[in-house]
PDB file of N, CA and C in Angstrom:
ATOM      1  N   MET A   1      78.972  68.725 111.604  1.00  0.00           N
ATOM      2  CA  MET A   1      79.465  69.984 111.615  1.00  0.00           C
ATOM      3  C   MET A   1      81.011  70.038 111.629  1.00  0.00           C
ATOM      4  N   PRO A   2      81.723  70.601 110.763  1.00  0.00           N
ATOM      5  CA  PRO A   2      83.059  70.867 110.836  1.00  0.00           C
ATOM      6  C   PRO A   2      83.686  71.639 112.082  1.00  0.00           C
ATOM      7  N   THR A   3      84.687  71.086 112.610  1.00  0.00           N
ATOM      8  CA  THR A   3      85.117  71.943 113.757  1.00  0.00           C
ATOM      9  C   THR A   3      86.231  73.296 113.040  1.00  0.00           C
ATOM     10  N   GLN A   4      86.112  74.321 113.727  1.00  0.00           N
ATOM     11  CA  GLN A   4      86.931  75.381 113.319  1.00  0.00           C
ATOM     12  C   GLN A   4      88.164  75.554 114.290  1.00  0.00           C
ATOM     13  N   ASN A   5      89.220  76.010 113.673  1.00  0.00           N
ATOM     14  CA  ASN A   5      90.537  76.038 114.492  1.00  0.00           C
ATOM     15  C   ASN A   5      90.311  77.110 115.042  1.00  0.00           C
ATOM     16  N   LYS A   6      90.351  77.666 116.513  1.00  0.00           N
ATOM     17  CA  LYS A   6      90.190  78.777 117.294  1.00  0.00           C
ATOM     18  C   LYS A   6      91.414  78.686 118.265  1.00  0.00           C
ATOM     19  N   HIS A   7      92.192  79.912 117.959  1.00  0.00           N
ATOM     20  CA  HIS A   7      93.172  80.092 118.997  1.00  0.00           C
ATOM     21  C   HIS A   7      92.759  81.137 119.997  1.00  0.00           C
ATOM     22  N   SER A   8      92.975  80.543 121.069  1.00  0.00           N
ATOM     23  CA  SER A   8      92.548  81.465 122.341  1.00  0.00           C
ATOM     24  C   SER A   8      93.723  82.107 122.648  1.00  0.00           C
ATOM     25  N   ILE A   9      93.968  83.435 123.359  1.00  0.00           N
ATOM     26  CA  ILE A   9      95.084  83.937 123.776  1.00  0.00           C
ATOM     27  C   ILE A   9      95.859  82.832 124.826  1.00  0.00           C
ATOM     28  N   SER A  10      96.872  82.794 124.485  1.00  0.00           N
ATOM     29  CA  SER A  10      97.717  81.931 125.165  1.00  0.00           C
ATOM     30  C   SER A  10      99.207  82.597 124.986  1.00  0.00           C
ATOM     31  N   ILE A  11     100.082  81.945 125.687  1.00  0.00           N
ATOM     32  CA  ILE A  11     101.674  82.260 125.690  1.00  0.00           C
ATOM     33  C   ILE A  11     102.032  82.331 124.139  1.00  0.00           C
ATOM     34  N   ALA A  12     101.855  81.284 123.597  1.00  0.00           N
ATOM     35  CA  ALA A  12     102.265  81.219 122.113  1.00  0.00           C
ATOM     36  C   ALA A  12     101.887  82.098 121.326  1.00  0.00           C
ATOM     37  N   VAL A  13     100.551  82.551 121.456  1.00  0.00           N
ATOM     38  CA  VAL A  13      99.970  83.887 120.754  1.00  0.00           C
ATOM     39  C   VAL A  13     100.597  85.033 121.084  1.00  0.00           C
ATOM     40  N   GLY A  14     100.805  85.210 122.444  1.00  0.00           N
ATOM     41  CA  GLY A  14     101.455  86.318 122.826  1.00  0.00           C
ATOM     42  C   GLY A  14     102.826  86.488 122.251  1.00  0.00           C
ATOM     43  N   ILE A  15     103.929  85.279 122.124  1.00  0.00           N
ATOM     44  CA  ILE A  15     104.938  85.310 121.581  1.00  0.00           C
ATOM     45  C   ILE A  15     105.070  85.838 120.009  1.00  0.00           C
ATOM     46  N   GLY A  16     103.881  85.286 119.614  1.00  0.00           N
ATOM     47  CA  GLY A  16     103.636  85.491 118.006  1.00  0.00           C
ATOM     48  C   GLY A  16     103.437  87.105 118.121  1.00  0.00           C
ATOM     49  N   ILE A  17     102.791  87.690 118.834  1.00  0.00           N
ATOM     50  CA  ILE A  17     102.640  89.031 118.656  1.00  0.00           C
ATOM     51  C   ILE A  17     103.862  90.138 118.972  1.00  0.00           C
ATOM     52  N   ILE A  18     104.508  89.363 119.845  1.00  0.00           N
ATOM     53  CA  ILE A  18     105.835  90.153 119.997  1.00  0.00           C
ATOM     54  C   ILE A  18     106.768  90.138 118.975  1.00  0.00           C
ATOM     55  N   ALA A  19     106.820  88.808 118.367  1.00  0.00           N
ATOM     56  CA  ALA A  19     107.711  88.854 117.134  1.00  0.00           C
ATOM     57  C   ALA A  19     107.106  89.541 116.007  1.00  0.00           C
ATOM     58  N   LEU A  20     105.724  89.616 115.769  1.00  0.00           N
ATOM     59  CA  LEU A  20     105.324  90.425 114.713  1.00  0.00           C
ATOM     60  C   LEU A  20     105.733  91.872 114.911  1.00  0.00           C
ATOM     61  N   ALA A  21     105.411  92.406 116.348  1.00  0.00           N
ATOM     62  CA  ALA A  21     105.505  93.860 116.527  1.00  0.00           C
ATOM     63  C   ALA A  21     107.017  94.197 116.390  1.00  0.00           C
ATOM     64  N   GLY A  22     108.106  93.335 116.624  1.00  0.00           N
ATOM     65  CA  GLY A  22     109.415  93.582 116.431  1.00  0.00           C
ATOM     66  C   GLY A  22     109.685  93.837 114.647  1.00  0.00           C
ATOM     67  N   LEU A  23     109.100  92.568 114.170  1.00  0.00           N
ATOM     68  CA  LEU A  23     109.410  92.694 112.437  1.00  0.00           C
ATOM     69  C   LEU A  23     108.878  94.121 112.002  1.00  0.00           C
ATOM     70  N   ASP A  24     107.587  94.173 112.279  1.00  0.00           N
ATOM     71  CA  ASP A  24     106.801  95.375 111.670  1.00  0.00           C
ATOM     72  C   ASP A  24     107.449  96.833 112.222  1.00  0.00           C
ATOM     73  N   ALA A  25     107.860  96.738 113.628  1.00  0.00           N
ATOM     74  CA  ALA A  25     108.822  98.077 113.804  1.00  0.00           C
ATOM     75  C   ALA A  25     109.898  98.367 113.023  1.00  0.00           C
ATOM     76  N   GLU A  26     110.712  97.361 112.778  1.00  0.00           N
ATOM     77  CA  GLU A  26     111.845  97.293 111.911  1.00  0.00           C
ATOM     78  C   GLU A  26     111.560  97.685 110.389  1.00  0.00           C
ATOM     79  N   THR A  27     110.750  96.953 109.929  1.00  0.00           N
ATOM     80  CA  THR A  27     110.492  97.319 108.571  1.00  0.00           C
ATOM     81  C   THR A  27     109.818  98.738 108.277  1.00  0.00           C
ATOM     82  N   GLY A  28     108.834  98.961 109.062  1.00  0.00           N
ATOM     83  CA  GLY A  28     108.456 100.316 109.375  1.00  0.00           C
ATOM     84  C   GLY A  28     109.370 101.328 109.672  1.00  0.00           C
ATOM     85  N   VAL A  29     110.348 101.306 110.332  1.00  0.00           N
ATOM     86  CA  VAL A  29     111.672 102.216 110.185  1.00  0.00           C
ATOM     87  C   VAL A  29     112.305 102.297 109.229  1.00  0.00           C
ATOM     88  N   VAL A  30     112.641 101.442 108.516  1.00  0.00           N
ATOM     89  CA  VAL A  30     113.167 101.278 107.412  1.00  0.00           C
ATOM     90  C   VAL A  30     112.457 102.131 106.190  1.00  0.00           C
ATOM     91  N   MET A  31     111.261 101.927 106.058  1.00  0.00           N
ATOM     92  CA  MET A  31     110.403 102.674 105.122  1.00  0.00           C
ATOM     93  C   MET A  31     110.387 104.147 105.581  1.00  0.00           C
ATOM     94  N   LEU A  32     110.239 104.431 106.754  1.00  0.00           N
ATOM     95  CA  LEU A  32     110.396 105.996 107.179  1.00  0.00           C
ATOM     96  C   LEU A  32     111.747 106.607 106.817  1.00  0.00           C
ATOM     97  N   LEU A  33     112.695 105.574 107.009  1.00  0.00           N
ATOM     98  CA  LEU A  33     114.048 106.096 106.523  1.00  0.00           C
ATOM     99  C   LEU A  33     114.167 106.439 105.261  1.00  0.00           C
ATOM    100  N   TYR A  34     113.657 105.566 104.366  1.00  0.00           N
ATOM    101  CA  TYR A  34     113.548 105.842 102.888  1.00  0.00           C
ATOM    102  C   TYR A  34     112.946 106.907 102.251  1.00  0.00           C
ATOM    103  N   LEU A  35     111.629 107.278 103.024  1.00  0.00           N
ATOM    104  CA  LEU A  35     110.965 108.197 102.684  1.00  0.00           C
ATOM    105  C   LEU A  35     111.384 109.591 103.068  1.00  0.00           C
ATOM    106  N   GLU A  36     112.243 109.599 104.338  1.00  0.00           N
ATOM    107  CA  GLU A  36     112.981 110.701 104.853  1.00  0.00           C
ATOM    108  C   GLU A  36     114.209 111.084 103.728  1.00  0.00           C
ATOM    109  N   LEU A  37     114.790 109.995 103.585  1.00  0.00           N
ATOM    110  CA  LEU A  37     116.190 110.116 102.372  1.00  0.00           C
ATOM    111  C   LEU A  37     115.578 110.847 101.123  1.00  0.00           C
ATOM    112  N   ALA A  38     114.376 110.226 100.536  1.00  0.00           N
ATOM    113  CA  ALA A  38     113.946 110.834  99.377  1.00  0.00           C
ATOM    114  C   ALA A  38     113.701 112.330  99.403  1.00  0.00           C
ATOM    115  N   TYR A  39     113.083 112.743 100.579  1.00  0.00           N
ATOM    116  CA  TYR A  39     112.696 113.894 100.783  1.00  0.00           C
ATOM    117  C   TYR A  39     113.816 114.737 100.754  1.00  0.00           C
ATOM    118  N   ASN A  40     114.747 114.464 101.797  1.00  0.00           N
ATOM    119  CA  ASN A  40     116.099 115.277 101.619  1.00  0.00           C
ATOM    120  C   ASN A  40     116.688 115.451 100.540  1.00  0.00           C
ATOM    121  N   GLN A  41     116.903 114.211  99.426  1.00  0.00           N
ATOM    122  CA  GLN A  41     117.605 114.279  98.419  1.00  0.00           C
ATOM    123  C   GLN A  41     116.848 115.288  97.377  1.00  0.00           C
ATOM    124  N   TRP A  42     115.470 115.266  97.227  1.00  0.00           N
ATOM    125  CA  TRP A  42     114.649 115.981  96.676  1.00  0.00           C
ATOM    126  C   TRP A  42     114.872 117.682  96.846  1.00  0.00           C
ATOM    127  N   LYS A  43     114.885 117.833  98.441  1.00  0.00           N
ATOM    128  CA  LYS A  43     115.087 118.961  98.869  1.00  0.00           C
ATOM    129  C   LYS A  43     116.373 119.545  98.542  1.00  0.00           C
ATOM    130  N   GLN A  44     117.349 118.931  98.629  1.00  0.00           N
ATOM    131  CA  GLN A  44     118.646 119.248  98.643  1.00  0.00           C
ATOM    132  C   GLN A  44     118.786 119.761  96.918  1.00  0.00           C
ATOM    133  N   GLU A  45     118.508 118.832  96.174  1.00  0.00           N
ATOM    134  CA  GLU A  45     118.499 119.204  94.535  1.00  0.00           C
ATOM    135  C   GLU A  45     117.470 120.208  94.155  1.00  0.00           C
ATOM    136  N   GLY A  46     116.709 120.735  94.878  1.00  0.00           N
ATOM    137  CA  GLY A  46     115.809 121.934  94.686  1.00  0.00           C
ATOM    138  C   GLY A  46     114.584 121.507  93.763  1.00  0.00           C
ATOM    139  N   LYS A  47     114.175 120.243  94.056  1.00  0.00           N
ATOM    140  CA  LYS A  47     113.122 119.762  93.251  1.00  0.00           C
ATOM    141  C   LYS A  47     111.757 119.837  93.962  1.00  0.00           C
ATOM    142  N   LEU A  48     111.755 120.389  95.046  1.00  0.00           N
ATOM    143  CA  LEU A  48     110.589 120.208  96.134  1.00  0.00           C
ATOM    144  C   LEU A  48     110.030 122.000  95.801  1.00  0.00           C
ATOM    145  N   THR A  49     109.279 122.050  94.647  1.00  0.00           N
ATOM    146  CA  THR A  49     108.672 123.486  94.546  1.00  0.00           C
ATOM    147  C   THR A  49     107.242 123.526  94.895  1.00  0.00           C
ATOM    148  N   SER A  50     106.240 122.321  94.809  1.00  0.00           N
ATOM    149  CA  SER A  50     105.021 122.272  95.136  1.00  0.00           C
ATOM    150  C   SER A  50     104.926 120.852  95.841  1.00  0.00           C
ATOM    151  N   MET A  51     103.416 121.128  96.296  1.00  0.00           N
ATOM    152  CA  MET A  51     102.773 119.720  96.907  1.00  0.00           C
ATOM    153  C   MET A  51     103.172 118.727  96.013  1.00  0.00           C
ATOM    154  N   ASN A  52     102.786 118.802  94.552  1.00  0.00           N
ATOM    155  CA  ASN A  52     102.846 117.685  93.694  1.00  0.00           C
ATOM    156  C   ASN A  52     104.507 116.954  93.814  1.00  0.00           C
ATOM    157  N   ASP A  53     105.477 117.897  93.906  1.00  0.00           N
ATOM    158  CA  ASP A  53     106.696 117.402  93.894  1.00  0.00           C
ATOM    159  C   ASP A  53     107.078 116.678  95.099  1.00  0.00           C
ATOM    160  N   LEU A  54     106.214 117.272  96.300  1.00  0.00           N
ATOM    161  CA  LEU A  54     106.427 116.513  97.696  1.00  0.00           C
ATOM    162  C   LEU A  54     105.974 115.102  97.428  1.00  0.00           C
ATOM    163  N   ARG A  55     104.925 114.905  96.808  1.00  0.00           N
ATOM    164  CA  ARG A  55     104.244 113.427  96.438  1.00  0.00           C
ATOM    165  C   ARG A  55     105.132 112.606  95.608  1.00  0.00           C
ATOM    166  N   GLU A  56     105.422 113.136  94.695  1.00  0.00           N
ATOM    167  CA  GLU A  56     106.528 112.485  93.904  1.00  0.00           C
ATOM    168  C   GLU A  56     107.777 112.120  94.558  1.00  0.00           C
ATOM    169  N   ALA A  57     108.582 112.720  95.654  1.00  0.00           N
ATOM    170  CA  ALA A  57     109.419 112.627  96.198  1.00  0.00           C
ATOM    171  C   ALA A  57     109.137 111.223  97.185  1.00  0.00           C
ATOM    172  N   ILE A  58     108.120 111.265  97.936  1.00  0.00           N
ATOM    173  CA  ILE A  58     107.627 110.353  98.710  1.00  0.00           C
ATOM    174  C   ILE A  58     107.315 109.179  97.808  1.00  0.00           C
ATOM    175  N   MET A  59     106.860 109.121  96.806  1.00  0.00           N
ATOM    176  CA  MET A  59     106.612 107.922  96.087  1.00  0.00           C
ATOM    177  C   MET A  59     107.779 107.409  95.689  1.00  0.00           C
ATOM    178  N   TYR A  60     108.936 108.132  95.218  1.00  0.00           N
ATOM    179  CA  TYR A  60     110.131 107.978  94.821  1.00  0.00           C
ATOM    180  C   TYR A  60     110.760 106.935  95.807  1.00  0.00           C
ATOM    181  N   GLY A  61     110.517 107.331  97.259  1.00  0.00           N
ATOM    182  CA  GLY A  61     111.284 106.695  98.214  1.00  0.00           C
ATOM    183  C   GLY A  61     110.428 105.488  98.748  1.00  0.00           C
ATOM    184  N   ALA A  62     109.192 105.470  98.530  1.00  0.00           N
ATOM    185  CA  ALA A  62     108.251 104.265  98.852  1.00  0.00           C
ATOM    186  C   ALA A  62     108.246 103.415  97.713  1.00  0.00           C
ATOM    187  N   VAL A  63     108.480 103.591  96.559  1.00  0.00           N
ATOM    188  CA  VAL A  63     108.991 102.351  95.576  1.00  0.00           C
ATOM    189  C   VAL A  63     109.873 101.682  95.756  1.00  0.00           C
ATOM    190  N   LYS A  64     111.079 102.235  96.340  1.00  0.00           N
ATOM    191  CA  LYS A  64     112.293 101.436  96.711  1.00  0.00           C
ATOM    192  C   LYS A  64     112.128 100.545  97.700  1.00  0.00           C
ATOM    193  N   ARG A  65     111.005 100.435  98.416  1.00  0.00           N
ATOM    194  CA  ARG A  65     110.903  99.643  99.586  1.00  0.00           C
ATOM    195  C   ARG A  65     109.856  98.200  99.248  1.00  0.00           C
ATOM    196  N   ILE A  66     109.193  98.511  98.138  1.00  0.00           N
ATOM    197  CA  ILE A  66     108.170  97.584  97.829  1.00  0.00           C
ATOM    198  C   ILE A  66     108.729  96.210  97.477  1.00  0.00           C
ATOM    199  N   ARG A  67     109.689  96.043  96.698  1.00  0.00           N
ATOM    200  CA  ARG A  67     110.353  94.625  96.396  1.00  0.00           C
ATOM    201  C   ARG A  67     110.836  94.177  97.602  1.00  0.00           C
ATOM    202  N   PRO A  68     111.559  94.724  98.439  1.00  0.00           N
ATOM    203  CA  PRO A  68     112.186  94.033  99.691  1.00  0.00           C
ATOM    204  C   PRO A  68     111.022  93.862 100.569  1.00  0.00           C
ATOM    205  N   LYS A  69     109.978  94.669 100.776  1.00  0.00           N
ATOM    206  CA  LYS A  69     108.788  94.196 101.601  1.00  0.00           C
ATOM    207  C   LYS A  69     108.097  93.010 101.129  1.00  0.00           C
ATOM    208  N   ILE A  70     107.931  93.079  99.876  1.00  0.00           N
ATOM    209  CA  ILE A  70     107.034  91.766  99.206  1.00  0.00           C
ATOM    210  C   ILE A  70     107.991  90.673  99.400  1.00  0.00           C
ATOM    211  N   MET A  71     109.315  90.719  99.280  1.00  0.00           N
ATOM    212  CA  MET A  71     110.156  89.381  99.611  1.00  0.00           C
ATOM    213  C   MET A  71     110.207  89.284 100.892  1.00  0.00           C
ATOM    214  N   THR A  72     109.950  89.904 101.741  1.00  0.00           N
ATOM    215  CA  THR A  72     110.083  89.599 103.313  1.00  0.00           C
ATOM    216  C   THR A  72     108.797  89.041 103.693  1.00  0.00           C
ATOM    217  N   VAL A  73     107.651  89.435 103.210  1.00  0.00           N
ATOM    218  CA  VAL A  73     106.195  89.001 103.456  1.00  0.00           C
ATOM    219  C   VAL A  73     106.176  87.420 102.812  1.00  0.00           C
ATOM    220  N   SER A  74     106.682  87.557 101.605  1.00  0.00           N
ATOM    221  CA  SER A  74     106.788  86.094 101.035  1.00  0.00           C
ATOM    222  C   SER A  74     107.474  85.008 101.683  1.00  0.00           C
ATOM    223  N   VAL A  75     108.496  85.195 102.176  1.00  0.00           N
ATOM    224  CA  VAL A  75     109.365  84.285 102.859  1.00  0.00           C
ATOM    225  C   VAL A  75     109.016  83.885 104.075  1.00  0.00           C
ATOM    226  N   ILE A  76     108.349  84.790 104.683  1.00  0.00           N
ATOM    227  CA  ILE A  76     107.699  84.562 106.237  1.00  0.00           C
ATOM    228  C   ILE A  76     106.424  83.829 105.966  1.00  0.00           C
ATOM    229  N   LEU A  77     105.525  84.103 104.963  1.00  0.00           N
ATOM    230  CA  LEU A  77     104.405  83.360 104.784  1.00  0.00           C
ATOM    231  C   LEU A  77     104.865  81.847 104.208  1.00  0.00           C
ATOM    232  N   ALA A  78     105.681  81.773 103.422  1.00  0.00           N
ATOM    233  CA  ALA A  78     106.182  80.568 102.849  1.00  0.00           C
ATOM    234  C   ALA A  78     106.511  79.522 103.938  1.00  0.00           C
ATOM    235  N   GLY A  79     107.230  80.246 105.099  1.00  0.00           N
ATOM    236  CA  GLY A  79     107.585  79.395 106.440  1.00  0.00           C
ATOM    237  C   GLY A  79     106.555  79.232 107.145  1.00  0.00           C
ATOM    238  N   LEU A  80     105.264  80.162 107.115  1.00  0.00           N
ATOM    239  CA  LEU A  80     104.378  80.037 108.402  1.00  0.00           C
ATOM    240  C   LEU A  80     103.002  79.353 107.703  1.00  0.00           C
ATOM    241  N   ILE A  81     102.828  79.407 106.423  1.00  0.00           N
ATOM    242  CA  ILE A  81     101.712  78.642 106.009  1.00  0.00           C
ATOM    243  C   ILE A  81     101.581  77.328 106.190  1.00  0.00           C
ATOM    244  N   PRO A  82     102.721  76.471 106.063  1.00  0.00           N
ATOM    245  CA  PRO A  82     102.997  75.065 106.143  1.00  0.00           C
ATOM    246  C   PRO A  82     102.511  74.561 107.805  1.00  0.00           C
ATOM    247  N   ILE A  83     102.888  75.595 108.636  1.00  0.00           N
ATOM    248  CA  ILE A  83     102.794  75.429 109.936  1.00  0.00           C
ATOM    249  C   ILE A  83     101.386  75.595 110.431  1.00  0.00           C
ATOM    250  N   MET A  84     100.634  76.286 109.889  1.00  0.00           N
ATOM    251  CA  MET A  84      99.235  76.823 109.794  1.00  0.00           C
ATOM    252  C   MET A  84      98.397  75.419 109.731  1.00  0.00           C
ATOM    253  N   PHE A  85      98.899  74.517 108.766  1.00  0.00           N
ATOM    254  CA  PHE A  85      98.154  73.404 108.116  1.00  0.00           C
ATOM    255  C   PHE A  85      98.796  71.976 108.749  1.00  0.00           C
ATOM    256  N   SER A  86      99.689  72.129 109.821  1.00  0.00           N
ATOM    257  CA  SER A  86     100.205  71.118 110.299  1.00  0.00           C
ATOM    258  C   SER A  86      99.253  70.281 111.522  1.00  0.00           C
ATOM    259  N   HIS A  87      99.580  68.940 111.632  1.00  0.00           N
ATOM    260  CA  HIS A  87      98.939  68.361 112.643  1.00  0.00           C
ATOM    261  C   HIS A  87      99.752  67.654 113.662  1.00  0.00           C
ATOM    262  N   GLY A  88     100.873  67.528 113.687  1.00  0.00           N
ATOM    263  CA  GLY A  88     101.823  66.671 114.391  1.00  0.00           C
ATOM    264  C   GLY A  88     101.924  67.268 115.986  1.00  0.00           C
ATOM    265  N   THR A  89     102.667  66.578 116.698  1.00  0.00           N
ATOM    266  CA  THR A  89     102.961  66.916 118.142  1.00  0.00           C
ATOM    267  C   THR A  89     103.636  68.482 117.932  1.00  0.00           C
ATOM    268  N   GLY A  90     102.655  69.195 118.922  1.00  0.00           N
ATOM    269  CA  GLY A  90     103.266  70.573 119.020  1.00  0.00           C
ATOM    270  C   GLY A  90     102.856  71.537 118.014  1.00  0.00           C
ATOM    271  N   ALA A  91     102.000  71.018 117.119  1.00  0.00           N
ATOM    272  CA  ALA A  91     101.178  71.658 116.031  1.00  0.00           C
ATOM    273  C   ALA A  91     100.186  72.792 116.628  1.00  0.00           C
ATOM    274  N   ASP A  92      99.600  72.548 117.904  1.00  0.00           N
ATOM    275  CA  ASP A  92      98.793  73.682 118.449  1.00  0.00           C
ATOM    276  C   ASP A  92      99.595  74.713 118.922  1.00  0.00           C
ATOM    277  N   VAL A  93     100.491  74.532 119.489  1.00  0.00           N
ATOM    278  CA  VAL A  93     101.553  75.704 119.814  1.00  0.00           C
ATOM    279  C   VAL A  93     102.053  76.317 118.688  1.00  0.00           C
ATOM    280  N   MET A  94     102.393  75.805 117.976  1.00  0.00           N
ATOM    281  CA  MET A  94     102.952  76.306 116.678  1.00  0.00           C
ATOM    282  C   MET A  94     102.020  77.260 115.809  1.00  0.00           C
ATOM    283  N   LYS A  95     100.894  76.774 115.846  1.00  0.00           N
ATOM    284  CA  LYS A  95      99.867  77.230 115.316  1.00  0.00           C
ATOM    285  C   LYS A  95      99.456  78.661 115.867  1.00  0.00           C
ATOM    286  N   GLY A  96      99.559  78.698 117.296  1.00  0.00           N
ATOM    287  CA  GLY A  96      99.337  79.856 118.249  1.00  0.00           C
ATOM    288  C   GLY A  96     100.226  80.740 117.948  1.00  0.00           C
ATOM    289  N   ILE A  97     101.532  80.479 117.483  1.00  0.00           N
ATOM    290  CA  ILE A  97     102.634  81.394 117.208  1.00  0.00           C
ATOM    291  C   ILE A  97     102.522  81.929 115.874  1.00  0.00           C
ATOM    292  N   ALA A  98     102.000  81.360 114.976  1.00  0.00           N
ATOM    293  CA  ALA A  98     101.856  81.532 113.339  1.00  0.00           C
ATOM    294  C   ALA A  98     100.653  82.351 113.149  1.00  0.00           C
ATOM    295  N   ALA A  99      99.841  82.047 113.803  1.00  0.00           N
ATOM    296  CA  ALA A  99      98.268  82.844 113.366  1.00  0.00           C
ATOM    297  C   ALA A  99      98.598  84.219 113.320  1.00  0.00           C
ATOM    298  N   PRO A 100      98.937  84.725 114.418  1.00  0.00           N
ATOM    299  CA  PRO A 100      98.953  86.163 114.627  1.00  0.00           C
ATOM    300  C   PRO A 100     100.144  86.995 113.543  1.00  0.00           C
ATOM    301  N   MET A 101     101.345  86.131 113.221  1.00  0.00           N
ATOM    302  CA  MET A 101     102.123  86.589 112.122  1.00  0.00           C
ATOM    303  C   MET A 101     101.676  86.655 110.868  1.00  0.00           C
ATOM    304  N   VAL A 102     100.841  85.586 110.580  1.00  0.00           N
ATOM    305  CA  VAL A 102     100.314  85.392 109.084  1.00  0.00           C
ATOM    306  C   VAL A 102      99.537  86.837 108.834  1.00  0.00           C
ATOM    307  N   GLY A 103      98.368  86.969 109.725  1.00  0.00           N
ATOM    308  CA  GLY A 103      97.564  88.157 109.427  1.00  0.00           C
ATOM    309  C   GLY A 103      98.305  89.558 109.592  1.00  0.00           C
ATOM    310  N   GLY A 104      99.208  89.421 110.649  1.00  0.00           N
ATOM    311  CA  GLY A 104      99.781  90.690 110.859  1.00  0.00           C
ATOM    312  C   GLY A 104     100.808  91.038 109.731  1.00  0.00           C
ATOM    313  N   VAL A 105     101.585  89.979 109.362  1.00  0.00           N
ATOM    314  CA  VAL A 105     102.528  90.375 108.017  1.00  0.00           C
ATOM    315  C   VAL A 105     101.845  91.186 106.955  1.00  0.00           C
ATOM    316  N   VAL A 106     100.766  90.231 106.612  1.00  0.00           N
ATOM    317  CA  VAL A 106     100.080  90.675 105.464  1.00  0.00           C
ATOM    318  C   VAL A 106      99.474  92.373 105.905  1.00  0.00           C
ATOM    319  N   SER A 107      98.857  92.683 106.883  1.00  0.00           N
ATOM    320  CA  SER A 107      98.435  93.715 107.316  1.00  0.00           C
ATOM    321  C   SER A 107      99.623  94.884 107.302  1.00  0.00           C
ATOM    322  N   SER A 108     100.570  94.440 107.728  1.00  0.00           N
ATOM    323  CA  SER A 108     101.918  95.087 107.795  1.00  0.00           C
ATOM    324  C   SER A 108     102.368  95.611 106.629  1.00  0.00           C
ATOM    325  N   ALA A 109     102.280  94.585 105.523  1.00  0.00           N
ATOM    326  CA  ALA A 109     102.589  95.222 104.087  1.00  0.00           C
ATOM    327  C   ALA A 109     101.688  96.279 103.586  1.00  0.00           C
ATOM    328  N   VAL A 110     100.497  95.926 103.846  1.00  0.00           N
ATOM    329  CA  VAL A 110      99.509  96.899 103.403  1.00  0.00           C
ATOM    330  C   VAL A 110      99.751  98.355 103.876  1.00  0.00           C
ATOM    331  N   PHE A 111      99.901  98.370 105.282  1.00  0.00           N
ATOM    332  CA  PHE A 111     100.108  99.602 105.946  1.00  0.00           C
ATOM    333  C   PHE A 111     101.573 100.162 105.597  1.00  0.00           C
ATOM    334  N   GLU A 112     102.749  99.402 105.533  1.00  0.00           N
ATOM    335  CA  GLU A 112     104.026  99.944 105.109  1.00  0.00           C
ATOM    336  C   GLU A 112     104.038 100.538 103.763  1.00  0.00           C
ATOM    337  N   VAL A 113     103.485  99.997 102.672  1.00  0.00           N
ATOM    338  CA  VAL A 113     103.423 100.439 101.324  1.00  0.00           C
ATOM    339  C   VAL A 113     102.595 101.242 100.912  1.00  0.00           C
ATOM    340  N   ILE A 114     101.377 101.109 101.536  1.00  0.00           N
ATOM    341  CA  ILE A 114     100.277 102.308 101.060  1.00  0.00           C
ATOM    342  C   ILE A 114      99.939 103.326 102.323  1.00  0.00           C
ATOM    343  N   ILE A 115      99.770 103.136 103.552  1.00  0.00           N
ATOM    344  CA  ILE A 115      99.200 104.091 104.407  1.00  0.00           C
ATOM    345  C   ILE A 115     100.541 104.791 104.943  1.00  0.00           C
ATOM    346  N   TYR A 116     101.635 104.430 105.186  1.00  0.00           N
ATOM    347  CA  TYR A 116     102.817 105.030 105.869  1.00  0.00           C
ATOM    348  C   TYR A 116     103.311 106.247 104.985  1.00  0.00           C
ATOM    349  N   PRO A 117     103.415 106.211 103.419  1.00  0.00           N
ATOM    350  CA  PRO A 117     103.498 107.244 102.410  1.00  0.00           C
ATOM    351  C   PRO A 117     102.469 108.181 102.640  1.00  0.00           C
ATOM    352  N   ALA A 118     101.302 107.666 102.608  1.00  0.00           N
ATOM    353  CA  ALA A 118     100.218 108.666 102.554  1.00  0.00           C
ATOM    354  C   ALA A 118     100.091 109.520 103.692  1.00  0.00           C
ATOM    355  N   ILE A 119     100.393 108.997 105.005  1.00  0.00           N
ATOM    356  CA  ILE A 119     100.434 109.648 106.364  1.00  0.00           C
ATOM    357  C   ILE A 119     101.832 110.690 106.359  1.00  0.00           C
ATOM    358  N   TYR A 120     102.824 110.232 105.735  1.00  0.00           N
ATOM    359  CA  TYR A 120     104.241 111.062 105.714  1.00  0.00           C
ATOM    360  C   TYR A 120     103.993 112.213 104.914  1.00  0.00           C
ATOM    361  N   ILE A 121     103.064 112.484 103.770  1.00  0.00           N
ATOM    362  CA  ILE A 121     103.387 113.351 102.932  1.00  0.00           C
ATOM    363  C   ILE A 121     102.899 114.657 103.763  1.00  0.00           C
ATOM    364  N   PRO A 122     102.151 114.976 104.368  1.00  0.00           N
ATOM    365  CA  PRO A 122     101.786 116.067 105.102  1.00  0.00           C
ATOM    366  C   PRO A 122     103.013 116.445 106.179  1.00  0.00           C
ATOM    367  N   PHE A 123     103.570 115.523 106.547  1.00  0.00           N
ATOM    368  CA  PHE A 123     104.521 115.703 107.822  1.00  0.00           C
ATOM    369  C   PHE A 123     106.033 115.294 107.567  1.00  0.00           C
ATOM    370  N   PRO A 124     106.692 115.947 106.543  1.00  0.00           N
ATOM    371  CA  PRO A 124     108.049 115.410 106.536  1.00  0.00           C
ATOM    372  C   PRO A 124     108.985 116.263 107.640  1.00  0.00           C
ATOM    373  N   GLN A 125     109.930 115.633 108.230  1.00  0.00           N
ATOM    374  CA  GLN A 125     110.720 115.971 109.160  1.00  0.00           C
ATOM    375  C   GLN A 125     111.435 117.158 109.055  1.00  0.00           C
ATOM    376  N   SER A 126     111.938 117.491 108.105  1.00  0.00           N
ATOM    377  CA  SER A 126     112.986 118.834 107.648  1.00  0.00           C
ATOM    378  C   SER A 126     112.102 120.073 107.248  1.00  0.00           C
TER     379      SER A 126
END
């Protein structure tokens, strides 16, 4: 029976979670900033006359963040995937740091690109 890699909660996993939280908070705030800027721009130009216009403004802001977010996720995964398959000295500690970040970065991308704009639509700040 093949052995499975199990990562119990350890200090290394905690460090990975803290790093992920910082990264996700930073990129999430930038996404919300872009949504707010798009909303304010469309409002200032008088383009917000219906709920459909609000959706278009939010999509306009969200689309500007797709490429930077995908680039961020790609670079992070390119650095962490080799760590997940390493077998050298200290690999078990590094895997503990990398494991929560791999899963968290992927879910962060989904949340930031799909969920944040959908939640923002009914609650613009201005």
